[in-house]
Amino acid sequence: MSAHTADRSDSDSTGTITQVVIPRSTPELLADIASFWDLHPVLVDDLFHANQRAKVERYGEVLFVVLKSAVYIDAKEEVEFNEFHLLMKDDVLVIICQGDRFIDGTPIPDETSGVEEYFTNEKRSWTKDRDLLALGPEALIYRLLDTAVDGYFPVLDGLQDDKDGIERQVFSGDTAAAERIYLLSQEVIDVLHNSTHLNRLTQALGNGAAKYAIPDDLRAYLDDVTDHLTRVLAEAGELRESLSQILNVNSTLVAQRQNEDMKKISGWAAILFAPTLIGAIYGMNFDDMPELHWAFGYPMALGLMLGLGVVLYVVFRVKKWM
């Protein structure tokens, strides 16, 4: 960055784009950037505070963009969002990573050699894409935006697979399905919120294209990113609706199982009530009860208890209550 002063007196090359990547920022480094570019105080405050929504703002000659990429952690069934702050001035783009991953989801290596290997990999080399880079430094921002948006599709695939698993879990009668539905719904809602903010970001970039003389070819590139975001929003919305329907089905199945359980409980309560009633009657010991003085009175009472219980059991079995 020191080679690109305000008047570019120290830069002997023209038509070049400088990209500065900060894998792990520190307050001291952010303060140096703010001082070097004389950033607006509001922008400086944003740089020092992460956990922001995706947005684009312009402070004089400096364009500030916040991107949110997504990675699905299948083992935890959670979506991990990583935030990136982009600062562009003239032909310099500064990328500040706020999380532990690069924008394509690759974990940031601990060693400097690992970081260098990541950027020298042919799969991530942008120098071969001369036509895109010829459109100006804004092309780098759109390329990063496209990479972030494309990362949402594997996330949706992971959520879809877990949704299919929940459906099987619901119809198998697993009582833990409801909690899993709620947790997965929260992840889908987070994807919806972040992709919605990204969509607003692309709209803001499109609205400012004419004002800041963005080439038509680059606008077409942005339209393609917007189209991808529309698909992400549509699929995420369908997933949320599907999970809502699965939750309703699960509630219905739980209610049916509870109804069956109540039938069984009521049936056994009736069977136990019959001998209890007979025992209560003969337990009153009135003198005018001839059965009390009959030699077969006790066996008769036991027989009534057993017989009535068997009759009720048979009736409930026929009615499929037992």
C-alpha atoms as a PDB file:
ATOM      1  CA  MET A   1       0.000   0.000   0.000  1.00  0.00           C
ATOM      2  CA  SER A   2       2.917   2.310   0.645  1.00  0.00           C
ATOM      3  CA  ALA A   3       3.715   2.146  -3.086  1.00  0.00           C
ATOM      4  CA  HIS A   4       0.351   3.712  -3.913  1.00  0.00           C
ATOM      5  CA  THR A   5       0.352   7.219  -2.498  1.00  0.00           C
ATOM      6  CA  ALA A   6      -2.409   9.711  -3.085  1.00  0.00           C
ATOM      7  CA  ASP A   7      -0.712  11.136  -6.189  1.00  0.00           C
ATOM      8  CA  ARG A   8       0.799   7.741  -7.163  1.00  0.00           C
ATOM      9  CA  SER A   9       4.215   9.374  -7.416  1.00  0.00           C
ATOM     10  CA  ASP A  10       5.896   6.197  -6.144  1.00  0.00           C
ATOM     11  CA  SER A  11       4.139   3.892  -8.568  1.00  0.00           C
ATOM     12  CA  ASP A  12       5.850   3.377 -11.911  1.00  0.00           C
ATOM     13  CA  SER A  13       3.257   0.980 -13.322  1.00  0.00           C
ATOM     14  CA  THR A  14      -0.057   1.791 -14.891  1.00  0.00           C
ATOM     15  CA  GLY A  15      -3.072  -0.365 -15.452  1.00  0.00           C
ATOM     16  CA  THR A  16      -2.267  -2.543 -12.444  1.00  0.00           C
ATOM     17  CA  ILE A  17      -4.444  -3.683  -9.550  1.00  0.00           C
ATOM     18  CA  THR A  18      -3.034  -4.279  -6.090  1.00  0.00           C
ATOM     19  CA  GLN A  19      -4.774  -6.717  -3.793  1.00  0.00           C
ATOM     20  CA  VAL A  20      -3.872  -6.727  -0.097  1.00  0.00           C
ATOM     21  CA  VAL A  21      -5.185  -9.653   1.977  1.00  0.00           C
ATOM     22  CA  ILE A  22      -5.137  -9.534   5.778  1.00  0.00           C
ATOM     23  CA  PRO A  23      -5.894 -13.053   7.053  1.00  0.00           C
ATOM     24  CA  ARG A  24      -5.845 -12.007  10.714  1.00  0.00           C
ATOM     25  CA  SER A  25      -6.269  -8.360  11.556  1.00  0.00           C
ATOM     26  CA  THR A  26      -5.148  -6.591  14.717  1.00  0.00           C
ATOM     27  CA  PRO A  27      -6.285  -3.245  16.138  1.00  0.00           C
ATOM     28  CA  GLU A  28      -2.829  -1.820  15.426  1.00  0.00           C
ATOM     29  CA  LEU A  29      -2.951  -2.878  11.777  1.00  0.00           C
ATOM     30  CA  LEU A  30      -6.466  -1.508  11.308  1.00  0.00           C
ATOM     31  CA  ALA A  31      -5.345   1.760  12.892  1.00  0.00           C
ATOM     32  CA  ASP A  32      -2.445   1.956  10.407  1.00  0.00           C
ATOM     33  CA  ILE A  33      -4.839   1.470   7.475  1.00  0.00           C
ATOM     34  CA  ALA A  34      -7.215   4.097   8.816  1.00  0.00           C
ATOM     35  CA  SER A  35      -4.368   6.555   9.265  1.00  0.00           C
ATOM     36  CA  PHE A  36      -2.754   5.827   5.889  1.00  0.00           C
ATOM     37  CA  TRP A  37      -5.967   6.349   3.931  1.00  0.00           C
ATOM     38  CA  ASP A  38      -7.375   8.991   6.309  1.00  0.00           C
ATOM     39  CA  LEU A  39     -10.614   7.023   6.596  1.00  0.00           C
ATOM     40  CA  HIS A  40     -13.883   8.526   7.741  1.00  0.00           C
ATOM     41  CA  PRO A  41     -14.495   8.056  11.512  1.00  0.00           C
ATOM     42  CA  VAL A  42     -17.717   6.131  10.837  1.00  0.00           C
ATOM     43  CA  LEU A  43     -15.857   3.772   8.516  1.00  0.00           C
ATOM     44  CA  VAL A  44     -13.099   3.322  11.080  1.00  0.00           C
ATOM     45  CA  ASP A  45     -15.708   2.353  13.667  1.00  0.00           C
ATOM     46  CA  ASP A  46     -17.128  -0.251  11.263  1.00  0.00           C
ATOM     47  CA  LEU A  47     -13.669  -1.707  10.670  1.00  0.00           C
ATOM     48  CA  PHE A  48     -13.132  -2.248  14.375  1.00  0.00           C
ATOM     49  CA  HIS A  49     -16.508  -3.955  14.868  1.00  0.00           C
ATOM     50  CA  ALA A  50     -17.343  -7.249  13.193  1.00  0.00           C
ATOM     51  CA  ASN A  51     -20.703  -9.085  13.144  1.00  0.00           C
ATOM     52  CA  GLN A  52     -22.213  -6.686  10.629  1.00  0.00           C
ATOM     53  CA  ARG A  53     -24.720  -7.373   7.900  1.00  0.00           C
ATOM     54  CA  ALA A  54     -23.628  -7.459   4.272  1.00  0.00           C
ATOM     55  CA  LYS A  55     -23.624  -3.903   2.929  1.00  0.00           C
ATOM     56  CA  VAL A  56     -21.882  -1.438   0.640  1.00  0.00           C
ATOM     57  CA  GLU A  57     -21.062   2.168   1.525  1.00  0.00           C
ATOM     58  CA  ARG A  58     -18.937   4.851  -0.065  1.00  0.00           C
ATOM     59  CA  TYR A  59     -16.912   7.382   1.914  1.00  0.00           C
ATOM     60  CA  GLY A  60     -15.422   9.825  -0.558  1.00  0.00           C
ATOM     61  CA  GLU A  61     -12.906   7.907  -2.673  1.00  0.00           C
ATOM     62  CA  VAL A  62     -13.100   4.788  -0.502  1.00  0.00           C
ATOM     63  CA  LEU A  63     -15.621   2.030  -1.209  1.00  0.00           C
ATOM     64  CA  PHE A  64     -16.445  -0.142   1.824  1.00  0.00           C
ATOM     65  CA  VAL A  65     -18.089  -3.538   1.332  1.00  0.00           C
ATOM     66  CA  VAL A  66     -19.048  -6.135   3.931  1.00  0.00           C
ATOM     67  CA  LEU A  67     -19.460  -9.706   2.635  1.00  0.00           C
ATOM     68  CA  LYS A  68     -20.729 -12.801   4.438  1.00  0.00           C
ATOM     69  CA  SER A  69     -19.717 -16.239   3.164  1.00  0.00           C
ATOM     70  CA  ALA A  70     -21.260 -19.484   4.433  1.00  0.00           C
ATOM     71  CA  VAL A  71     -19.915 -22.971   5.150  1.00  0.00           C
ATOM     72  CA  TYR A  72     -22.046 -25.899   6.282  1.00  0.00           C
ATOM     73  CA  ILE A  73     -20.634 -28.007   9.143  1.00  0.00           C
ATOM     74  CA  ASP A  74     -22.415 -31.302   8.565  1.00  0.00           C
ATOM     75  CA  ALA A  75     -21.252 -32.946  11.811  1.00  0.00           C
ATOM     76  CA  LYS A  76     -22.909 -30.175  13.849  1.00  0.00           C
ATOM     77  CA  GLU A  77     -25.685 -29.427  11.342  1.00  0.00           C
ATOM     78  CA  GLU A  78     -24.755 -25.770  11.623  1.00  0.00           C
ATOM     79  CA  VAL A  79     -24.026 -23.010   9.120  1.00  0.00           C
ATOM     80  CA  GLU A  80     -20.850 -21.076   9.828  1.00  0.00           C
ATOM     81  CA  PHE A  81     -20.777 -17.520   8.501  1.00  0.00           C
ATOM     82  CA  ASN A  82     -17.512 -15.674   7.906  1.00  0.00           C
ATOM     83  CA  GLU A  83     -17.327 -11.916   7.543  1.00  0.00           C
ATOM     84  CA  PHE A  84     -15.032  -9.973   5.221  1.00  0.00           C
ATOM     85  CA  HIS A  85     -14.410  -6.239   5.033  1.00  0.00           C
ATOM     86  CA  LEU A  86     -13.342  -4.895   1.643  1.00  0.00           C
ATOM     87  CA  LEU A  87     -11.761  -1.469   1.206  1.00  0.00           C
ATOM     88  CA  MET A  88     -11.151  -0.128  -2.302  1.00  0.00           C
ATOM     89  CA  LYS A  89      -9.469   3.117  -3.224  1.00  0.00           C
ATOM     90  CA  ASP A  90      -8.165   3.864  -6.709  1.00  0.00           C
ATOM     91  CA  ASP A  91      -6.527   0.626  -7.894  1.00  0.00           C
ATOM     92  CA  VAL A  92      -5.967  -0.921  -4.445  1.00  0.00           C
ATOM     93  CA  LEU A  93      -8.264  -3.467  -2.816  1.00  0.00           C
ATOM     94  CA  VAL A  94      -7.780  -4.458   0.835  1.00  0.00           C
ATOM     95  CA  ILE A  95      -9.485  -7.657   2.037  1.00  0.00           C
ATOM     96  CA  ILE A  96      -9.766  -8.036   5.815  1.00  0.00           C
ATOM     97  CA  CYS A  97     -10.806 -11.505   7.054  1.00  0.00           C
ATOM     98  CA  GLN A  98     -12.809 -11.409  10.270  1.00  0.00           C
ATOM     99  CA  GLY A  99     -13.189 -15.177  10.691  1.00  0.00           C
ATOM    100  CA  ASP A 100     -11.060 -18.298  10.454  1.00  0.00           C
ATOM    101  CA  ARG A 101     -11.718 -19.015   6.768  1.00  0.00           C
ATOM    102  CA  PHE A 102     -11.062 -17.477   3.392  1.00  0.00           C
ATOM    103  CA  ILE A 103     -14.038 -16.429   1.301  1.00  0.00           C
ATOM    104  CA  ASP A 104     -14.246 -19.808  -0.479  1.00  0.00           C
ATOM    105  CA  GLY A 105     -14.503 -21.624   2.860  1.00  0.00           C
ATOM    106  CA  THR A 106     -10.889 -22.807   3.068  1.00  0.00           C
ATOM    107  CA  PRO A 107      -9.553 -22.605   6.666  1.00  0.00           C
ATOM    108  CA  ILE A 108      -6.881 -19.944   7.095  1.00  0.00           C
ATOM    109  CA  PRO A 109      -3.527 -21.683   7.727  1.00  0.00           C
ATOM    110  CA  ASP A 110      -1.626 -20.829  10.880  1.00  0.00           C
ATOM    111  CA  GLU A 111       1.700 -20.561   9.072  1.00  0.00           C
ATOM    112  CA  THR A 112       2.610 -17.841   6.579  1.00  0.00           C
ATOM    113  CA  SER A 113       3.821 -20.488   4.128  1.00  0.00           C
ATOM    114  CA  GLY A 114       0.350 -22.012   4.114  1.00  0.00           C
ATOM    115  CA  VAL A 115      -1.198 -18.655   3.271  1.00  0.00           C
ATOM    116  CA  GLU A 116       1.255 -18.138   0.420  1.00  0.00           C
ATOM    117  CA  GLU A 117       0.549 -21.618  -0.922  1.00  0.00           C
ATOM    118  CA  TYR A 118      -3.177 -20.861  -0.867  1.00  0.00           C
ATOM    119  CA  PHE A 119      -2.813 -17.742  -3.020  1.00  0.00           C
ATOM    120  CA  THR A 120      -0.294 -19.259  -5.426  1.00  0.00           C
ATOM    121  CA  ASN A 121      -2.557 -22.219  -6.171  1.00  0.00           C
ATOM    122  CA  GLU A 122      -3.535 -22.248  -9.853  1.00  0.00           C
ATOM    123  CA  LYS A 123      -7.199 -22.820  -8.958  1.00  0.00           C
ATOM    124  CA  ARG A 124      -7.276 -19.480  -7.153  1.00  0.00           C
ATOM    125  CA  SER A 125      -5.056 -17.474  -9.472  1.00  0.00           C
ATOM    126  CA  TRP A 126      -6.935 -14.558 -11.008  1.00  0.00           C
ATOM    127  CA  THR A 127      -4.128 -13.399 -13.256  1.00  0.00           C
ATOM    128  CA  LYS A 128      -5.304 -15.735 -16.024  1.00  0.00           C
ATOM    129  CA  ASP A 129      -8.691 -14.001 -16.071  1.00  0.00           C
ATOM    130  CA  ARG A 130      -7.372 -10.990 -17.974  1.00  0.00           C
ATOM    131  CA  ASP A 131     -10.692 -10.049 -19.534  1.00  0.00           C
ATOM    132  CA  LEU A 132     -12.317  -9.662 -16.132  1.00  0.00           C
ATOM    133  CA  LEU A 133      -9.412  -7.831 -14.529  1.00  0.00           C
ATOM    134  CA  ALA A 134      -9.301  -5.435 -17.467  1.00  0.00           C
ATOM    135  CA  LEU A 135     -12.641  -4.048 -16.286  1.00  0.00           C
ATOM    136  CA  GLY A 136     -10.974  -2.428 -13.281  1.00  0.00           C
ATOM    137  CA  PRO A 137     -10.504  -3.068  -9.552  1.00  0.00           C
ATOM    138  CA  GLU A 138     -14.284  -3.305  -9.091  1.00  0.00           C
ATOM    139  CA  ALA A 139     -14.031  -6.634 -10.928  1.00  0.00           C
ATOM    140  CA  LEU A 140     -12.214  -8.072  -7.920  1.00  0.00           C
ATOM    141  CA  ILE A 141     -15.106  -7.122  -5.653  1.00  0.00           C
ATOM    142  CA  TYR A 142     -17.629  -8.732  -7.982  1.00  0.00           C
ATOM    143  CA  ARG A 143     -15.441 -11.835  -8.230  1.00  0.00           C
ATOM    144  CA  LEU A 144     -15.305 -12.084  -4.430  1.00  0.00           C
ATOM    145  CA  LEU A 145     -19.048 -11.519  -4.234  1.00  0.00           C
ATOM    146  CA  ASP A 146     -19.617 -14.290  -6.760  1.00  0.00           C
ATOM    147  CA  THR A 147     -17.372 -16.640  -4.777  1.00  0.00           C
ATOM    148  CA  ALA A 148     -19.287 -15.875  -1.579  1.00  0.00           C
ATOM    149  CA  VAL A 149     -22.678 -16.407  -3.242  1.00  0.00           C
ATOM    150  CA  ASP A 150     -21.610 -19.670  -4.907  1.00  0.00           C
ATOM    151  CA  GLY A 151     -20.615 -20.925  -1.454  1.00  0.00           C
ATOM    152  CA  TYR A 152     -24.262 -20.828  -0.388  1.00  0.00           C
ATOM    153  CA  PHE A 153     -25.255 -23.626  -2.788  1.00  0.00           C
ATOM    154  CA  PRO A 154     -23.271 -26.389  -0.969  1.00  0.00           C
ATOM    155  CA  VAL A 155     -24.795 -25.058   2.252  1.00  0.00           C
ATOM    156  CA  LEU A 156     -28.283 -25.460   0.820  1.00  0.00           C
ATOM    157  CA  ASP A 157     -27.395 -28.974  -0.366  1.00  0.00           C
ATOM    158  CA  GLY A 158     -26.291 -29.881   3.161  1.00  0.00           C
ATOM    159  CA  LEU A 159     -29.454 -28.442   4.675  1.00  0.00           C
ATOM    160  CA  GLN A 160     -31.541 -30.332   2.099  1.00  0.00           C
ATOM    161  CA  ASP A 161     -29.845 -33.630   2.992  1.00  0.00           C
ATOM    162  CA  ASP A 162     -30.530 -33.063   6.680  1.00  0.00           C
ATOM    163  CA  LYS A 163     -34.125 -32.143   5.889  1.00  0.00           C
ATOM    164  CA  ASP A 164     -34.542 -35.485   4.102  1.00  0.00           C
ATOM    165  CA  GLY A 165     -33.074 -37.236   7.136  1.00  0.00           C
ATOM    166  CA  ILE A 166     -35.527 -35.446   9.414  1.00  0.00           C
ATOM    167  CA  GLU A 167     -38.445 -36.613   7.274  1.00  0.00           C
ATOM    168  CA  ARG A 168     -37.385 -40.233   7.758  1.00  0.00           C
ATOM    169  CA  GLN A 169     -36.873 -39.565  11.459  1.00  0.00           C
ATOM    170  CA  VAL A 170     -40.364 -38.099  11.818  1.00  0.00           C
ATOM    171  CA  PHE A 171     -42.130 -41.071  10.210  1.00  0.00           C
ATOM    172  CA  SER A 172     -40.059 -43.518  12.250  1.00  0.00           C
ATOM    173  CA  GLY A 173     -41.562 -42.086  15.415  1.00  0.00           C
ATOM    174  CA  ASP A 174     -38.335 -40.623  16.845  1.00  0.00           C
ATOM    175  CA  THR A 175     -39.279 -38.203  19.619  1.00  0.00           C
ATOM    176  CA  ALA A 176     -36.087 -36.159  19.060  1.00  0.00           C
ATOM    177  CA  ALA A 177     -37.251 -35.057  15.601  1.00  0.00           C
ATOM    178  CA  ALA A 178     -39.030 -31.905  16.827  1.00  0.00           C
ATOM    179  CA  GLU A 179     -35.903 -30.412  18.397  1.00  0.00           C
ATOM    180  CA  ARG A 180     -33.886 -31.189  15.273  1.00  0.00           C
ATOM    181  CA  ILE A 181     -36.521 -29.469  13.116  1.00  0.00           C
ATOM    182  CA  TYR A 182     -36.353 -26.313  15.237  1.00  0.00           C
ATOM    183  CA  LEU A 183     -32.543 -26.217  15.143  1.00  0.00           C
ATOM    184  CA  LEU A 184     -32.363 -26.759  11.387  1.00  0.00           C
ATOM    185  CA  SER A 185     -35.065 -24.133  10.825  1.00  0.00           C
ATOM    186  CA  GLN A 186     -32.907 -21.618  12.684  1.00  0.00           C
ATOM    187  CA  GLU A 187     -29.994 -22.367  10.352  1.00  0.00           C
ATOM    188  CA  VAL A 188     -32.223 -21.902   7.299  1.00  0.00           C
ATOM    189  CA  ILE A 189     -33.492 -18.587   8.685  1.00  0.00           C
ATOM    190  CA  ASP A 190     -29.890 -17.415   9.156  1.00  0.00           C
ATOM    191  CA  VAL A 191     -29.136 -18.316   5.525  1.00  0.00           C
ATOM    192  CA  LEU A 192     -32.228 -16.407   4.418  1.00  0.00           C
ATOM    193  CA  HIS A 193     -31.263 -13.306   6.380  1.00  0.00           C
ATOM    194  CA  ASN A 194     -27.666 -13.239   5.137  1.00  0.00           C
ATOM    195  CA  SER A 195     -28.572 -13.950   1.512  1.00  0.00           C
ATOM    196  CA  THR A 196     -31.241 -11.224   1.674  1.00  0.00           C
ATOM    197  CA  HIS A 197     -28.637  -8.681   2.803  1.00  0.00           C
ATOM    198  CA  LEU A 198     -26.310  -9.867   0.026  1.00  0.00           C
ATOM    199  CA  ASN A 199     -29.123  -9.343  -2.453  1.00  0.00           C
ATOM    200  CA  ARG A 200     -29.575  -5.778  -1.221  1.00  0.00           C
ATOM    201  CA  LEU A 201     -25.821  -5.296  -1.602  1.00  0.00           C
ATOM    202  CA  THR A 202     -25.922  -6.345  -5.266  1.00  0.00           C
ATOM    203  CA  GLN A 203     -28.881  -4.021  -5.850  1.00  0.00           C
ATOM    204  CA  ALA A 204     -26.927  -1.131  -4.323  1.00  0.00           C
ATOM    205  CA  LEU A 205     -23.926  -1.907  -6.529  1.00  0.00           C
ATOM    206  CA  GLY A 206     -26.199  -2.017  -9.575  1.00  0.00           C
ATOM    207  CA  ASN A 207     -27.826   1.288  -8.669  1.00  0.00           C
ATOM    208  CA  GLY A 208     -24.432   2.967  -8.401  1.00  0.00           C
ATOM    209  CA  ALA A 209     -23.075   1.465 -11.619  1.00  0.00           C
ATOM    210  CA  ALA A 210     -24.165   4.356 -13.812  1.00  0.00           C
ATOM    211  CA  LYS A 211     -23.070   7.019 -11.336  1.00  0.00           C
ATOM    212  CA  TYR A 212     -19.547   5.638 -11.011  1.00  0.00           C
ATOM    213  CA  ALA A 213     -19.125   4.636 -14.688  1.00  0.00           C
ATOM    214  CA  ILE A 214     -18.987   0.882 -14.174  1.00  0.00           C
ATOM    215  CA  PRO A 215     -18.441  -0.889 -17.549  1.00  0.00           C
ATOM    216  CA  ASP A 216     -21.444  -2.640 -19.073  1.00  0.00           C
ATOM    217  CA  ASP A 217     -19.573  -5.947 -19.147  1.00  0.00           C
ATOM    218  CA  LEU A 218     -19.089  -5.722 -15.403  1.00  0.00           C
ATOM    219  CA  ARG A 219     -22.774  -4.927 -14.919  1.00  0.00           C
ATOM    220  CA  ALA A 220     -23.601  -8.126 -16.807  1.00  0.00           C
ATOM    221  CA  TYR A 221     -21.300  -9.975 -14.418  1.00  0.00           C
ATOM    222  CA  LEU A 222     -23.166  -8.436 -11.477  1.00  0.00           C
ATOM    223  CA  ASP A 223     -26.494  -9.482 -13.017  1.00  0.00           C
ATOM    224  CA  ASP A 224     -25.217 -13.064 -13.061  1.00  0.00           C
ATOM    225  CA  VAL A 225     -24.371 -12.828  -9.343  1.00  0.00           C
ATOM    226  CA  THR A 226     -27.835 -11.424  -8.677  1.00  0.00           C
ATOM    227  CA  ASP A 227     -29.366 -14.345 -10.561  1.00  0.00           C
ATOM    228  CA  HIS A 228     -27.448 -16.789  -8.350  1.00  0.00           C
ATOM    229  CA  LEU A 229     -28.639 -14.961  -5.259  1.00  0.00           C
ATOM    230  CA  THR A 230     -32.231 -15.196  -6.468  1.00  0.00           C
ATOM    231  CA  ARG A 231     -31.831 -18.965  -6.680  1.00  0.00           C
ATOM    232  CA  VAL A 232     -30.343 -19.073  -3.187  1.00  0.00           C
ATOM    233  CA  LEU A 233     -33.249 -17.075  -1.788  1.00  0.00           C
ATOM    234  CA  ALA A 234     -35.791 -19.265  -3.574  1.00  0.00           C
ATOM    235  CA  GLU A 235     -34.244 -22.541  -2.384  1.00  0.00           C
ATOM    236  CA  ALA A 236     -33.838 -21.263   1.174  1.00  0.00           C
ATOM    237  CA  GLY A 237     -37.466 -20.133   1.202  1.00  0.00           C
ATOM    238  CA  GLU A 238     -38.610 -23.553  -0.030  1.00  0.00           C
ATOM    239  CA  LEU A 239     -36.519 -25.247   2.651  1.00  0.00           C
ATOM    240  CA  ARG A 240     -38.065 -23.093   5.355  1.00  0.00           C
ATOM    241  CA  GLU A 241     -41.566 -23.896   4.089  1.00  0.00           C
ATOM    242  CA  SER A 242     -40.749 -27.619   3.910  1.00  0.00           C
ATOM    243  CA  LEU A 243     -39.467 -27.640   7.486  1.00  0.00           C
ATOM    244  CA  SER A 244     -42.622 -25.854   8.611  1.00  0.00           C
ATOM    245  CA  GLN A 245     -44.741 -28.527   6.935  1.00  0.00           C
ATOM    246  CA  ILE A 246     -42.624 -31.304   8.449  1.00  0.00           C
ATOM    247  CA  LEU A 247     -43.126 -29.749  11.879  1.00  0.00           C
ATOM    248  CA  ASN A 248     -46.904 -29.771  11.332  1.00  0.00           C
ATOM    249  CA  VAL A 249     -46.787 -33.419  10.236  1.00  0.00           C
ATOM    250  CA  ASN A 250     -44.676 -34.291  13.264  1.00  0.00           C
ATOM    251  CA  SER A 251     -47.155 -32.542  15.571  1.00  0.00           C
ATOM    252  CA  THR A 252     -50.019 -34.490  13.984  1.00  0.00           C
ATOM    253  CA  LEU A 253     -48.194 -37.810  14.382  1.00  0.00           C
ATOM    254  CA  VAL A 254     -47.320 -37.015  17.998  1.00  0.00           C
ATOM    255  CA  ALA A 255     -50.972 -36.164  18.684  1.00  0.00           C
ATOM    256  CA  GLN A 256     -52.056 -39.463  17.113  1.00  0.00           C
ATOM    257  CA  ARG A 257     -49.575 -41.422  19.208  1.00  0.00           C
ATOM    258  CA  GLN A 258     -50.719 -39.607  22.339  1.00  0.00           C
ATOM    259  CA  ASN A 259     -54.315 -40.396  21.424  1.00  0.00           C
ATOM    260  CA  GLU A 260     -53.435 -44.082  21.087  1.00  0.00           C
ATOM    261  CA  ASP A 261     -51.664 -43.981  24.437  1.00  0.00           C
ATOM    262  CA  MET A 262     -54.683 -42.325  26.054  1.00  0.00           C
ATOM    263  CA  LYS A 263     -56.935 -45.088  24.664  1.00  0.00           C
ATOM    264  CA  LYS A 264     -54.722 -47.734  26.250  1.00  0.00           C
ATOM    265  CA  ILE A 265     -54.540 -45.869  29.544  1.00  0.00           C
ATOM    266  CA  SER A 266     -58.313 -45.390  29.591  1.00  0.00           C
ATOM    267  CA  GLY A 267     -58.878 -49.071  28.754  1.00  0.00           C
ATOM    268  CA  TRP A 268     -56.661 -50.312  31.567  1.00  0.00           C
ATOM    269  CA  ALA A 269     -58.226 -47.804  33.943  1.00  0.00           C
ATOM    270  CA  ALA A 270     -61.695 -49.198  33.118  1.00  0.00           C
ATOM    271  CA  ILE A 271     -60.481 -52.790  33.568  1.00  0.00           C
ATOM    272  CA  LEU A 272     -59.015 -51.949  36.965  1.00  0.00           C
ATOM    273  CA  PHE A 273     -62.083 -49.947  37.955  1.00  0.00           C
ATOM    274  CA  ALA A 274     -64.467 -52.926  37.565  1.00  0.00           C
ATOM    275  CA  PRO A 275     -62.923 -55.163  40.290  1.00  0.00           C
ATOM    276  CA  THR A 276     -62.355 -52.094  42.449  1.00  0.00           C
ATOM    277  CA  LEU A 277     -66.091 -51.324  42.256  1.00  0.00           C
ATOM    278  CA  ILE A 278     -67.070 -54.900  43.191  1.00  0.00           C
ATOM    279  CA  GLY A 279     -64.569 -54.930  46.042  1.00  0.00           C
ATOM    280  CA  ALA A 280     -65.894 -51.593  47.308  1.00  0.00           C
ATOM    281  CA  ILE A 281     -69.515 -52.852  47.340  1.00  0.00           C
ATOM    282  CA  TYR A 282     -68.755 -56.028  49.242  1.00  0.00           C
ATOM    283  CA  GLY A 283     -66.363 -54.205  51.497  1.00  0.00           C
ATOM    284  CA  MET A 284     -69.244 -52.240  53.089  1.00  0.00           C
ATOM    285  CA  ASN A 285     -70.184 -55.331  55.209  1.00  0.00           C
ATOM    286  CA  PHE A 286     -73.925 -54.670  55.502  1.00  0.00           C
ATOM    287  CA  ASP A 287     -75.859 -57.273  57.537  1.00  0.00           C
ATOM    288  CA  ASP A 288     -78.511 -57.659  54.801  1.00  0.00           C
ATOM    289  CA  MET A 289     -75.997 -58.842  52.191  1.00  0.00           C
ATOM    290  CA  PRO A 290     -76.676 -62.602  51.985  1.00  0.00           C
ATOM    291  CA  GLU A 291     -73.466 -63.185  50.023  1.00  0.00           C
ATOM    292  CA  LEU A 292     -71.462 -62.385  53.164  1.00  0.00           C
ATOM    293  CA  HIS A 293     -72.820 -65.464  54.929  1.00  0.00           C
ATOM    294  CA  TRP A 294     -72.652 -67.715  51.893  1.00  0.00           C
ATOM    295  CA  ALA A 295     -69.782 -70.163  51.623  1.00  0.00           C
ATOM    296  CA  PHE A 296     -69.295 -69.346  47.943  1.00  0.00           C
ATOM    297  CA  GLY A 297     -69.638 -65.545  48.361  1.00  0.00           C
ATOM    298  CA  TYR A 298     -65.897 -64.831  48.336  1.00  0.00           C
ATOM    299  CA  PRO A 299     -65.152 -66.989  45.264  1.00  0.00           C
ATOM    300  CA  MET A 300     -68.172 -65.415  43.523  1.00  0.00           C
ATOM    301  CA  ALA A 301     -66.824 -61.886  44.137  1.00  0.00           C
ATOM    302  CA  LEU A 302     -63.404 -62.855  42.811  1.00  0.00           C
ATOM    303  CA  GLY A 303     -65.019 -64.465  39.792  1.00  0.00           C
ATOM    304  CA  LEU A 304     -67.028 -61.329  39.072  1.00  0.00           C
ATOM    305  CA  MET A 305     -63.887 -59.223  39.266  1.00  0.00           C
ATOM    306  CA  LEU A 306     -61.948 -61.508  36.943  1.00  0.00           C
ATOM    307  CA  GLY A 307     -64.833 -62.063  34.521  1.00  0.00           C
ATOM    308  CA  LEU A 308     -65.715 -58.395  34.181  1.00  0.00           C
ATOM    309  CA  GLY A 309     -62.045 -57.533  33.635  1.00  0.00           C
ATOM    310  CA  VAL A 310     -61.731 -60.189  30.900  1.00  0.00           C
ATOM    311  CA  VAL A 311     -64.946 -59.007  29.198  1.00  0.00           C
ATOM    312  CA  LEU A 312     -63.729 -55.386  29.164  1.00  0.00           C
ATOM    313  CA  TYR A 313     -60.316 -56.453  27.872  1.00  0.00           C
ATOM    314  CA  VAL A 314     -61.925 -58.386  24.988  1.00  0.00           C
ATOM    315  CA  VAL A 315     -64.196 -55.466  24.131  1.00  0.00           C
ATOM    316  CA  PHE A 316     -61.279 -53.008  24.070  1.00  0.00           C
ATOM    317  CA  ARG A 317     -59.208 -55.383  21.950  1.00  0.00           C
ATOM    318  CA  VAL A 318     -62.027 -55.629  19.404  1.00  0.00           C
ATOM    319  CA  LYS A 319     -62.256 -51.845  19.287  1.00  0.00           C
ATOM    320  CA  LYS A 320     -58.426 -51.711  18.963  1.00  0.00           C
ATOM    321  CA  TRP A 321     -57.988 -49.721  22.127  1.00  0.00           C
ATOM    322  CA  MET A 322     -55.521 -52.228  23.546  1.00  0.00           C
END
